[in-house]
Amino acid sequence: AEVEVDQAHLETHAERTSRMLPERAHVLVSEVFGDDALAEGALPSLRHATSLLLDDTCGVAIPSQLTLCAAMAELPPSVDRAALFENEIAQHGRGLLGSIALGRAGVDLRTGRADALHALRPIHANSGDGHHHAVSDSNQSVNQLRSGHAATAACGTVDLAPSPVLLTEAVELCTVDLCKPPPPPLPGQPILDGEVAATLCPGAQSRVPTAIVSWFALTMCEGVLLSSSPESETHWRQVAHLLPVCQRQPLVKAGSCGSEGVSEVRLRYRVADEESWVSLARTDIYTIP
């Protein structure tokens, strides 16, 4: 089949894309594409733009700084189902909005009680026809939240599970300078990685951790932050990094015969060019497989 090519359009497009700026820009504004602030190649694009377009001496990027935060949590089983998004895509050619990658899912935590009991919106439930659907639990009663259970109905099924509970205090994992982004990593290597200690909340030792929830805070200018934290009112959700089944058990001190709880855990983070991961670090302080 013959394809007509609009040569004039191609020449105009080439001229438009190759046009040089009269001088380097003083301000560079970037966008956050998803619940994971590094999704869709945001950092490589920003690295390219700052190196070619931004003034070296007085140029400012907005946002200028990205901080990643996290806390360990106990989440309902519906989050595990949401994280199977890639399997749904492969089997049915369709998926669930908000899922990020296999083993991770976008969750929306909103403060339900002062003791860090949170309501999950939306909850993802299996309809029974092989597909996942997002349903809202925004009409849950205060009594349901106080009892620690959230009922969500979808297509005639009910998902009764404990409401999400943050088990540790929130901690800052790392900070990325967006005015001068870090250089590209070697193949297979992260840009940043490390471990941070997180203090357990009272009573958390008896709970069963199922995920580590992460979010971001963007520095727009001095003293002005835009955050996707559970306390924020932005439309971004947090990211649930699901723990393997072998780690889903109460955390106790090593050598304590399984009875003495620990006061803190260590969260391991790994930041790549286009995504970030958080996991529960292995240490000799507490027992995890």
C-alpha atoms as a PDB file:
ATOM      1  CA  ALA A   1       0.000   0.000   0.000  1.00  0.00           C
ATOM      2  CA  GLU A   2       1.222   3.457  -0.833  1.00  0.00           C
ATOM      3  CA  VAL A   3       1.533   6.001   1.972  1.00  0.00           C
ATOM      4  CA  GLU A   4       1.353   9.681   1.208  1.00  0.00           C
ATOM      5  CA  VAL A   5       3.917  11.773   3.047  1.00  0.00           C
ATOM      6  CA  ASP A   6       3.293  15.444   3.674  1.00  0.00           C
ATOM      7  CA  GLN A   7       6.823  16.685   3.003  1.00  0.00           C
ATOM      8  CA  ALA A   8       5.928  20.250   3.909  1.00  0.00           C
ATOM      9  CA  HIS A   9       4.641  19.098   7.300  1.00  0.00           C
ATOM     10  CA  LEU A  10       7.810  17.095   7.954  1.00  0.00           C
ATOM     11  CA  GLU A  11      10.017  20.053   7.084  1.00  0.00           C
ATOM     12  CA  THR A  12       7.979  22.355   9.316  1.00  0.00           C
ATOM     13  CA  HIS A  13       8.179  19.862  12.196  1.00  0.00           C
ATOM     14  CA  ALA A  14      11.942  19.457  11.762  1.00  0.00           C
ATOM     15  CA  GLU A  15      12.407  23.219  11.757  1.00  0.00           C
ATOM     16  CA  ARG A  16      10.257  23.580  14.854  1.00  0.00           C
ATOM     17  CA  THR A  17      12.032  20.860  16.848  1.00  0.00           C
ATOM     18  CA  SER A  18      15.543  21.964  15.905  1.00  0.00           C
ATOM     19  CA  ARG A  19      15.029  25.627  16.690  1.00  0.00           C
ATOM     20  CA  MET A  20      17.637  27.007  19.091  1.00  0.00           C
ATOM     21  CA  LEU A  21      16.701  29.117  22.092  1.00  0.00           C
ATOM     22  CA  PRO A  22      18.194  32.623  22.047  1.00  0.00           C
ATOM     23  CA  GLU A  23      19.586  31.867  25.505  1.00  0.00           C
ATOM     24  CA  ARG A  24      19.345  29.182  28.167  1.00  0.00           C
ATOM     25  CA  ALA A  25      16.202  29.185  30.284  1.00  0.00           C
ATOM     26  CA  HIS A  26      16.129  30.590  33.813  1.00  0.00           C
ATOM     27  CA  VAL A  27      13.192  28.392  34.887  1.00  0.00           C
ATOM     28  CA  LEU A  28      12.420  24.797  33.947  1.00  0.00           C
ATOM     29  CA  VAL A  29       9.027  23.390  35.004  1.00  0.00           C
ATOM     30  CA  SER A  30       8.574  19.607  35.054  1.00  0.00           C
ATOM     31  CA  GLU A  31       5.592  17.332  35.623  1.00  0.00           C
ATOM     32  CA  VAL A  32       4.956  14.336  37.861  1.00  0.00           C
ATOM     33  CA  PHE A  33       3.411  11.583  35.753  1.00  0.00           C
ATOM     34  CA  GLY A  34       2.216   9.055  38.291  1.00  0.00           C
ATOM     35  CA  ASP A  35       1.972   7.737  41.824  1.00  0.00           C
ATOM     36  CA  ASP A  36       5.650   6.825  41.494  1.00  0.00           C
ATOM     37  CA  ALA A  37       7.196  10.237  40.848  1.00  0.00           C
ATOM     38  CA  LEU A  38       9.927   8.688  38.693  1.00  0.00           C
ATOM     39  CA  ALA A  39       7.516   6.912  36.341  1.00  0.00           C
ATOM     40  CA  GLU A  40       7.550   7.310  32.554  1.00  0.00           C
ATOM     41  CA  GLY A  41      11.145   8.452  32.301  1.00  0.00           C
ATOM     42  CA  ALA A  42      10.732  11.678  34.253  1.00  0.00           C
ATOM     43  CA  LEU A  43      14.310  11.696  35.548  1.00  0.00           C
ATOM     44  CA  PRO A  44      16.084  11.001  32.211  1.00  0.00           C
ATOM     45  CA  SER A  45      13.927  13.674  30.555  1.00  0.00           C
ATOM     46  CA  LEU A  46      14.733  16.148  33.304  1.00  0.00           C
ATOM     47  CA  ARG A  47      18.428  15.286  33.122  1.00  0.00           C
ATOM     48  CA  HIS A  48      18.404  15.949  29.368  1.00  0.00           C
ATOM     49  CA  ALA A  49      16.461  19.210  29.719  1.00  0.00           C
ATOM     50  CA  THR A  50      18.632  20.647  32.491  1.00  0.00           C
ATOM     51  CA  SER A  51      21.841  19.850  30.638  1.00  0.00           C
ATOM     52  CA  LEU A  52      20.727  21.366  27.326  1.00  0.00           C
ATOM     53  CA  LEU A  53      18.225  24.078  28.210  1.00  0.00           C
ATOM     54  CA  LEU A  54      18.725  25.344  31.772  1.00  0.00           C
ATOM     55  CA  ASP A  55      21.136  28.153  32.621  1.00  0.00           C
ATOM     56  CA  ASP A  56      24.157  26.738  34.435  1.00  0.00           C
ATOM     57  CA  THR A  57      24.572  29.673  36.811  1.00  0.00           C
ATOM     58  CA  CYS A  58      21.100  30.931  37.716  1.00  0.00           C
ATOM     59  CA  GLY A  59      18.705  28.325  36.305  1.00  0.00           C
ATOM     60  CA  VAL A  60      16.059  26.886  38.632  1.00  0.00           C
ATOM     61  CA  ALA A  61      14.004  23.728  38.185  1.00  0.00           C
ATOM     62  CA  ILE A  62      10.451  23.577  39.567  1.00  0.00           C
ATOM     63  CA  PRO A  63      10.107  21.351  41.488  1.00  0.00           C
ATOM     64  CA  SER A  64      13.699  21.605  42.638  1.00  0.00           C
ATOM     65  CA  GLN A  65      13.895  18.570  44.905  1.00  0.00           C
ATOM     66  CA  LEU A  66      12.253  15.177  45.278  1.00  0.00           C
ATOM     67  CA  THR A  67      12.144  13.431  48.656  1.00  0.00           C
ATOM     68  CA  LEU A  68      10.955   9.838  48.994  1.00  0.00           C
ATOM     69  CA  CYS A  69       9.254   8.783  52.243  1.00  0.00           C
ATOM     70  CA  ALA A  70       7.901   5.466  53.494  1.00  0.00           C
ATOM     71  CA  ALA A  71       6.266   3.541  56.335  1.00  0.00           C
ATOM     72  CA  MET A  72       5.570  -0.130  56.923  1.00  0.00           C
ATOM     73  CA  ALA A  73       1.885  -1.056  56.858  1.00  0.00           C
ATOM     74  CA  GLU A  74      -0.708  -3.771  57.201  1.00  0.00           C
ATOM     75  CA  LEU A  75      -3.015  -3.582  54.175  1.00  0.00           C
ATOM     76  CA  PRO A  76      -6.139  -5.509  53.141  1.00  0.00           C
ATOM     77  CA  PRO A  77      -5.842  -8.503  50.762  1.00  0.00           C
ATOM     78  CA  SER A  78      -7.491  -6.391  48.072  1.00  0.00           C
ATOM     79  CA  VAL A  79      -4.164  -4.597  47.611  1.00  0.00           C
ATOM     80  CA  ASP A  80      -2.494  -7.917  46.795  1.00  0.00           C
ATOM     81  CA  ARG A  81      -5.070  -8.485  44.087  1.00  0.00           C
ATOM     82  CA  ALA A  82      -4.517  -5.016  42.680  1.00  0.00           C
ATOM     83  CA  ALA A  83      -0.796  -5.746  42.379  1.00  0.00           C
ATOM     84  CA  LEU A  84      -1.602  -8.597  39.972  1.00  0.00           C
ATOM     85  CA  PHE A  85      -2.317  -5.964  37.314  1.00  0.00           C
ATOM     86  CA  GLU A  86       0.327  -7.261  34.906  1.00  0.00           C
ATOM     87  CA  ASN A  87      -1.133 -10.764  35.062  1.00  0.00           C
ATOM     88  CA  GLU A  88      -4.553  -9.337  34.220  1.00  0.00           C
ATOM     89  CA  ILE A  89      -3.069  -7.507  31.228  1.00  0.00           C
ATOM     90  CA  ALA A  90      -1.418 -10.685  29.959  1.00  0.00           C
ATOM     91  CA  GLN A  91      -4.519 -12.840  30.378  1.00  0.00           C
ATOM     92  CA  HIS A  92      -7.312 -10.477  29.441  1.00  0.00           C
ATOM     93  CA  GLY A  93      -5.722  -7.590  27.567  1.00  0.00           C
ATOM     94  CA  ARG A  94      -6.983  -5.115  30.121  1.00  0.00           C
ATOM     95  CA  GLY A  95      -5.999  -3.997  33.572  1.00  0.00           C
ATOM     96  CA  LEU A  96      -6.692  -1.944  36.612  1.00  0.00           C
ATOM     97  CA  LEU A  97      -6.004   1.782  36.726  1.00  0.00           C
ATOM     98  CA  GLY A  98      -3.455   2.730  39.337  1.00  0.00           C
ATOM     99  CA  SER A  99      -1.490  -0.502  39.467  1.00  0.00           C
ATOM    100  CA  ILE A 100       2.169   0.236  38.860  1.00  0.00           C
ATOM    101  CA  ALA A 101       4.064  -3.025  38.396  1.00  0.00           C
ATOM    102  CA  LEU A 102       3.955  -6.617  39.510  1.00  0.00           C
ATOM    103  CA  GLY A 103       4.346  -6.576  43.280  1.00  0.00           C
ATOM    104  CA  ARG A 104       3.392  -2.907  43.597  1.00  0.00           C
ATOM    105  CA  ALA A 105       0.066  -1.096  43.531  1.00  0.00           C
ATOM    106  CA  GLY A 106      -1.221   2.442  43.839  1.00  0.00           C
ATOM    107  CA  VAL A 107      -3.225   2.867  47.042  1.00  0.00           C
ATOM    108  CA  ASP A 108      -5.062   5.875  48.379  1.00  0.00           C
ATOM    109  CA  LEU A 109      -4.743   6.279  52.149  1.00  0.00           C
ATOM    110  CA  ARG A 110      -6.755   8.918  53.945  1.00  0.00           C
ATOM    111  CA  THR A 111      -6.615   9.520  57.692  1.00  0.00           C
ATOM    112  CA  GLY A 112      -9.549   7.826  59.395  1.00  0.00           C
ATOM    113  CA  ARG A 113      -8.470   8.054  63.028  1.00  0.00           C
ATOM    114  CA  ALA A 114      -5.842   9.873  65.039  1.00  0.00           C
ATOM    115  CA  ASP A 115      -4.104   6.584  65.922  1.00  0.00           C
ATOM    116  CA  ALA A 116      -3.018   6.105  62.287  1.00  0.00           C
ATOM    117  CA  LEU A 117      -5.895   3.851  61.260  1.00  0.00           C
ATOM    118  CA  HIS A 118      -6.475   4.653  57.604  1.00  0.00           C
ATOM    119  CA  ALA A 119      -9.220   4.034  55.076  1.00  0.00           C
ATOM    120  CA  LEU A 120      -8.211   2.672  51.676  1.00  0.00           C
ATOM    121  CA  ARG A 121      -9.724   4.326  48.587  1.00  0.00           C
ATOM    122  CA  PRO A 122     -10.229   2.825  46.124  1.00  0.00           C
ATOM    123  CA  ILE A 123     -10.335  -0.817  47.160  1.00  0.00           C
ATOM    124  CA  HIS A 124      -9.858  -3.234  44.288  1.00  0.00           C
ATOM    125  CA  ALA A 125     -12.069  -6.296  44.367  1.00  0.00           C
ATOM    126  CA  ASN A 126     -12.489  -9.356  42.163  1.00  0.00           C
ATOM    127  CA  SER A 127     -15.932  -9.423  40.592  1.00  0.00           C
ATOM    128  CA  GLY A 128     -15.949 -13.164  40.058  1.00  0.00           C
ATOM    129  CA  ASP A 129     -15.709 -12.892  36.261  1.00  0.00           C
ATOM    130  CA  GLY A 130     -11.920 -12.995  36.239  1.00  0.00           C
ATOM    131  CA  HIS A 131     -11.465  -9.229  36.169  1.00  0.00           C
ATOM    132  CA  HIS A 132     -10.618  -6.705  38.839  1.00  0.00           C
ATOM    133  CA  HIS A 133     -12.726  -3.627  39.478  1.00  0.00           C
ATOM    134  CA  ALA A 134     -12.093  -0.495  41.501  1.00  0.00           C
ATOM    135  CA  VAL A 135     -14.799   0.344  43.998  1.00  0.00           C
ATOM    136  CA  SER A 136     -14.955   3.100  46.583  1.00  0.00           C
ATOM    137  CA  ASP A 137     -15.308   2.665  50.312  1.00  0.00           C
ATOM    138  CA  SER A 138     -15.830   6.391  50.906  1.00  0.00           C
ATOM    139  CA  ASN A 139     -19.227   5.655  52.482  1.00  0.00           C
ATOM    140  CA  GLN A 140     -17.817   3.429  55.213  1.00  0.00           C
ATOM    141  CA  SER A 141     -19.239   4.237  58.588  1.00  0.00           C
ATOM    142  CA  VAL A 142     -17.179   5.567  61.462  1.00  0.00           C
ATOM    143  CA  ASN A 143     -18.041   2.388  63.371  1.00  0.00           C
ATOM    144  CA  GLN A 144     -16.448   0.250  60.642  1.00  0.00           C
ATOM    145  CA  LEU A 145     -13.246   2.274  60.814  1.00  0.00           C
ATOM    146  CA  ARG A 146     -13.162   2.159  64.604  1.00  0.00           C
ATOM    147  CA  SER A 147     -13.655  -1.593  64.636  1.00  0.00           C
ATOM    148  CA  GLY A 148     -10.659  -2.022  62.357  1.00  0.00           C
ATOM    149  CA  HIS A 149     -12.645  -3.596  59.535  1.00  0.00           C
ATOM    150  CA  ALA A 150     -13.771  -2.262  56.173  1.00  0.00           C
ATOM    151  CA  ALA A 151     -16.453  -3.916  54.092  1.00  0.00           C
ATOM    152  CA  THR A 152     -16.432  -3.326  50.353  1.00  0.00           C
ATOM    153  CA  ALA A 153     -19.000  -4.747  47.968  1.00  0.00           C
ATOM    154  CA  ALA A 154     -18.427  -5.294  44.251  1.00  0.00           C
ATOM    155  CA  CYS A 155     -20.627  -7.198  41.835  1.00  0.00           C
ATOM    156  CA  GLY A 156     -22.314  -9.093  44.648  1.00  0.00           C
ATOM    157  CA  THR A 157     -19.126 -10.007  46.531  1.00  0.00           C
ATOM    158  CA  VAL A 158     -17.901  -8.576  49.820  1.00  0.00           C
ATOM    159  CA  ASP A 159     -14.256  -8.115  50.754  1.00  0.00           C
ATOM    160  CA  LEU A 160     -14.087  -8.037  54.557  1.00  0.00           C
ATOM    161  CA  ALA A 161     -10.547  -7.217  55.707  1.00  0.00           C
ATOM    162  CA  PRO A 162      -8.722  -5.163  58.314  1.00  0.00           C
ATOM    163  CA  SER A 163      -8.466  -1.500  57.429  1.00  0.00           C
ATOM    164  CA  PRO A 164      -4.954  -0.309  56.534  1.00  0.00           C
ATOM    165  CA  VAL A 165      -2.743   0.434  59.527  1.00  0.00           C
ATOM    166  CA  LEU A 166       0.633   2.165  59.415  1.00  0.00           C
ATOM    167  CA  LEU A 167       2.954   0.117  61.623  1.00  0.00           C
ATOM    168  CA  THR A 168       5.939   2.500  61.719  1.00  0.00           C
ATOM    169  CA  GLU A 169       6.531   6.205  61.855  1.00  0.00           C
ATOM    170  CA  ALA A 170       7.080   7.774  58.437  1.00  0.00           C
ATOM    171  CA  VAL A 171      10.739   8.193  57.492  1.00  0.00           C
ATOM    172  CA  GLU A 172      12.575  10.032  54.728  1.00  0.00           C
ATOM    173  CA  LEU A 173      14.434   7.569  52.533  1.00  0.00           C
ATOM    174  CA  CYS A 174      16.428   9.831  50.233  1.00  0.00           C
ATOM    175  CA  THR A 175      16.423  13.113  48.323  1.00  0.00           C
ATOM    176  CA  VAL A 176      17.056  13.721  44.617  1.00  0.00           C
ATOM    177  CA  ASP A 177      18.260  17.125  43.368  1.00  0.00           C
ATOM    178  CA  LEU A 178      16.119  17.972  40.326  1.00  0.00           C
ATOM    179  CA  CYS A 179      18.066  21.123  39.437  1.00  0.00           C
ATOM    180  CA  LYS A 180      21.151  18.977  38.914  1.00  0.00           C
ATOM    181  CA  PRO A 181      19.861  15.417  38.508  1.00  0.00           C
ATOM    182  CA  PRO A 182      22.293  12.593  39.271  1.00  0.00           C
ATOM    183  CA  PRO A 183      24.140  11.149  36.259  1.00  0.00           C
ATOM    184  CA  PRO A 184      22.722   8.063  34.556  1.00  0.00           C
ATOM    185  CA  PRO A 185      23.666   4.855  36.370  1.00  0.00           C
ATOM    186  CA  LEU A 186      25.621   1.959  34.952  1.00  0.00           C
ATOM    187  CA  PRO A 187      23.465  -0.817  33.455  1.00  0.00           C
ATOM    188  CA  GLY A 188      21.729  -2.731  36.210  1.00  0.00           C
ATOM    189  CA  GLN A 189      22.863  -0.302  38.900  1.00  0.00           C
ATOM    190  CA  PRO A 190      20.653   2.088  40.936  1.00  0.00           C
ATOM    191  CA  ILE A 191      21.081   5.834  41.181  1.00  0.00           C
ATOM    192  CA  LEU A 192      20.638   5.691  44.945  1.00  0.00           C
ATOM    193  CA  ASP A 193      20.267   2.878  47.444  1.00  0.00           C
ATOM    194  CA  GLY A 194      20.566   2.443  51.173  1.00  0.00           C
ATOM    195  CA  GLU A 195      18.805   1.602  54.426  1.00  0.00           C
ATOM    196  CA  VAL A 196      16.874   3.736  56.916  1.00  0.00           C
ATOM    197  CA  ALA A 197      15.623   2.820  60.402  1.00  0.00           C
ATOM    198  CA  ALA A 198      11.887   3.219  61.044  1.00  0.00           C
ATOM    199  CA  THR A 199      10.422   3.262  64.580  1.00  0.00           C
ATOM    200  CA  LEU A 200       7.479   0.939  65.191  1.00  0.00           C
ATOM    201  CA  CYS A 201       4.224   2.462  66.406  1.00  0.00           C
ATOM    202  CA  PRO A 202       2.752   1.249  69.734  1.00  0.00           C
ATOM    203  CA  GLY A 203       1.126  -2.146  69.330  1.00  0.00           C
ATOM    204  CA  ALA A 204       2.684  -2.762  65.922  1.00  0.00           C
ATOM    205  CA  GLN A 205       4.661  -5.784  67.130  1.00  0.00           C
ATOM    206  CA  SER A 206       1.478  -7.844  67.259  1.00  0.00           C
ATOM    207  CA  ARG A 207       0.356  -6.821  63.756  1.00  0.00           C
ATOM    208  CA  VAL A 208       1.321  -8.565  60.533  1.00  0.00           C
ATOM    209  CA  PRO A 209       3.151  -6.326  58.024  1.00  0.00           C
ATOM    210  CA  THR A 210       2.069  -6.878  54.417  1.00  0.00           C
ATOM    211  CA  ALA A 211       3.627  -3.955  52.560  1.00  0.00           C
ATOM    212  CA  ILE A 212       5.769  -0.863  52.735  1.00  0.00           C
ATOM    213  CA  VAL A 213       3.935   2.238  51.568  1.00  0.00           C
ATOM    214  CA  SER A 214       5.970   5.011  49.941  1.00  0.00           C
ATOM    215  CA  TRP A 215       5.149   8.534  48.777  1.00  0.00           C
ATOM    216  CA  PHE A 216       6.947  11.644  47.582  1.00  0.00           C
ATOM    217  CA  ALA A 217       7.383  15.266  48.637  1.00  0.00           C
ATOM    218  CA  LEU A 218       8.304  17.846  46.002  1.00  0.00           C
ATOM    219  CA  THR A 219       9.994  21.125  46.921  1.00  0.00           C
ATOM    220  CA  MET A 220       8.351  23.739  44.692  1.00  0.00           C
ATOM    221  CA  CYS A 221      10.256  26.650  46.211  1.00  0.00           C
ATOM    222  CA  GLU A 222      11.670  27.489  49.620  1.00  0.00           C
ATOM    223  CA  GLY A 223       9.146  26.467  52.268  1.00  0.00           C
ATOM    224  CA  VAL A 224       6.559  25.164  49.771  1.00  0.00           C
ATOM    225  CA  LEU A 225       6.050  21.392  49.478  1.00  0.00           C
ATOM    226  CA  LEU A 226       3.718  19.341  47.303  1.00  0.00           C
ATOM    227  CA  SER A 227       3.291  15.899  48.824  1.00  0.00           C
ATOM    228  CA  SER A 228       1.473  12.666  48.052  1.00  0.00           C
ATOM    229  CA  SER A 229       1.555  11.617  51.717  1.00  0.00           C
ATOM    230  CA  PRO A 230      -1.501   9.996  53.348  1.00  0.00           C
ATOM    231  CA  GLU A 231      -2.287  13.355  54.978  1.00  0.00           C
ATOM    232  CA  SER A 232      -2.223  15.341  51.731  1.00  0.00           C
ATOM    233  CA  GLU A 233      -5.219  16.360  49.632  1.00  0.00           C
ATOM    234  CA  THR A 234      -3.542  15.870  46.245  1.00  0.00           C
ATOM    235  CA  HIS A 235      -4.888  13.403  43.689  1.00  0.00           C
ATOM    236  CA  TRP A 236      -1.736  11.279  43.776  1.00  0.00           C
ATOM    237  CA  ARG A 237      -1.852   8.026  45.625  1.00  0.00           C
ATOM    238  CA  GLN A 238       0.832   6.240  47.583  1.00  0.00           C
ATOM    239  CA  VAL A 239       2.691   3.161  46.343  1.00  0.00           C
ATOM    240  CA  ALA A 240       2.337  -0.165  48.162  1.00  0.00           C
ATOM    241  CA  HIS A 241       5.465  -2.324  47.842  1.00  0.00           C
ATOM    242  CA  LEU A 242       4.159  -5.761  48.788  1.00  0.00           C
ATOM    243  CA  LEU A 243       6.197  -7.943  51.131  1.00  0.00           C
ATOM    244  CA  PRO A 244       6.792 -11.596  50.203  1.00  0.00           C
ATOM    245  CA  VAL A 245       4.636 -14.089  52.072  1.00  0.00           C
ATOM    246  CA  CYS A 246       7.593 -15.322  54.144  1.00  0.00           C
ATOM    247  CA  GLN A 247       8.014 -11.838  55.673  1.00  0.00           C
ATOM    248  CA  ARG A 248       4.368 -11.412  56.618  1.00  0.00           C
ATOM    249  CA  GLN A 249       4.669 -12.238  60.289  1.00  0.00           C
ATOM    250  CA  PRO A 250       4.968 -10.274  63.542  1.00  0.00           C
ATOM    251  CA  LEU A 251       8.484  -8.902  63.986  1.00  0.00           C
ATOM    252  CA  VAL A 252      10.246 -10.251  67.057  1.00  0.00           C
ATOM    253  CA  LYS A 253      13.796  -9.967  68.345  1.00  0.00           C
ATOM    254  CA  ALA A 254      16.234 -12.607  67.194  1.00  0.00           C
ATOM    255  CA  GLY A 255      16.803 -15.225  69.896  1.00  0.00           C
ATOM    256  CA  SER A 256      13.712 -14.215  71.893  1.00  0.00           C
ATOM    257  CA  CYS A 257      11.828 -17.483  71.193  1.00  0.00           C
ATOM    258  CA  GLY A 258       9.294 -15.523  69.176  1.00  0.00           C
ATOM    259  CA  SER A 259       7.849 -13.491  72.028  1.00  0.00           C
ATOM    260  CA  GLU A 260       9.727 -10.197  72.406  1.00  0.00           C
ATOM    261  CA  GLY A 261       8.858  -7.434  69.945  1.00  0.00           C
ATOM    262  CA  VAL A 262      11.345  -5.046  68.360  1.00  0.00           C
ATOM    263  CA  SER A 263      11.251  -1.244  68.504  1.00  0.00           C
ATOM    264  CA  GLU A 264      12.358  -0.504  64.951  1.00  0.00           C
ATOM    265  CA  VAL A 265      12.868  -2.044  61.523  1.00  0.00           C
ATOM    266  CA  ARG A 266      15.157  -1.136  58.657  1.00  0.00           C
ATOM    267  CA  LEU A 267      13.721  -0.207  55.276  1.00  0.00           C
ATOM    268  CA  ARG A 268      15.889  -0.685  52.211  1.00  0.00           C
ATOM    269  CA  TYR A 269      15.366   1.606  49.230  1.00  0.00           C
ATOM    270  CA  ARG A 270      16.609   1.462  45.665  1.00  0.00           C
ATOM    271  CA  VAL A 271      16.096   4.305  43.177  1.00  0.00           C
ATOM    272  CA  ALA A 272      16.539   3.706  39.447  1.00  0.00           C
ATOM    273  CA  ASP A 273      16.104   6.026  36.494  1.00  0.00           C
ATOM    274  CA  GLU A 274      12.394   5.326  36.077  1.00  0.00           C
ATOM    275  CA  GLU A 275      11.128   3.816  39.334  1.00  0.00           C
ATOM    276  CA  SER A 276      11.874   3.185  42.977  1.00  0.00           C
ATOM    277  CA  TRP A 277      11.516   0.178  45.282  1.00  0.00           C
ATOM    278  CA  VAL A 278      11.317  -0.196  49.041  1.00  0.00           C
ATOM    279  CA  SER A 279      11.669  -3.470  50.950  1.00  0.00           C
ATOM    280  CA  LEU A 280      12.163  -4.797  54.453  1.00  0.00           C
ATOM    281  CA  ALA A 281      15.903  -5.177  55.038  1.00  0.00           C
ATOM    282  CA  ARG A 282      17.372  -8.335  56.514  1.00  0.00           C
ATOM    283  CA  THR A 283      19.185  -7.719  59.797  1.00  0.00           C
ATOM    284  CA  ASP A 284      20.181  -9.657  62.909  1.00  0.00           C
ATOM    285  CA  ILE A 285      18.067  -7.335  65.086  1.00  0.00           C
ATOM    286  CA  TYR A 286      14.805  -9.129  64.302  1.00  0.00           C
ATOM    287  CA  THR A 287      13.870 -12.410  62.704  1.00  0.00           C
ATOM    288  CA  ILE A 288      12.664 -12.504  59.131  1.00  0.00           C
ATOM    289  CA  PRO A 289      13.384 -15.274  56.613  1.00  0.00           C
END
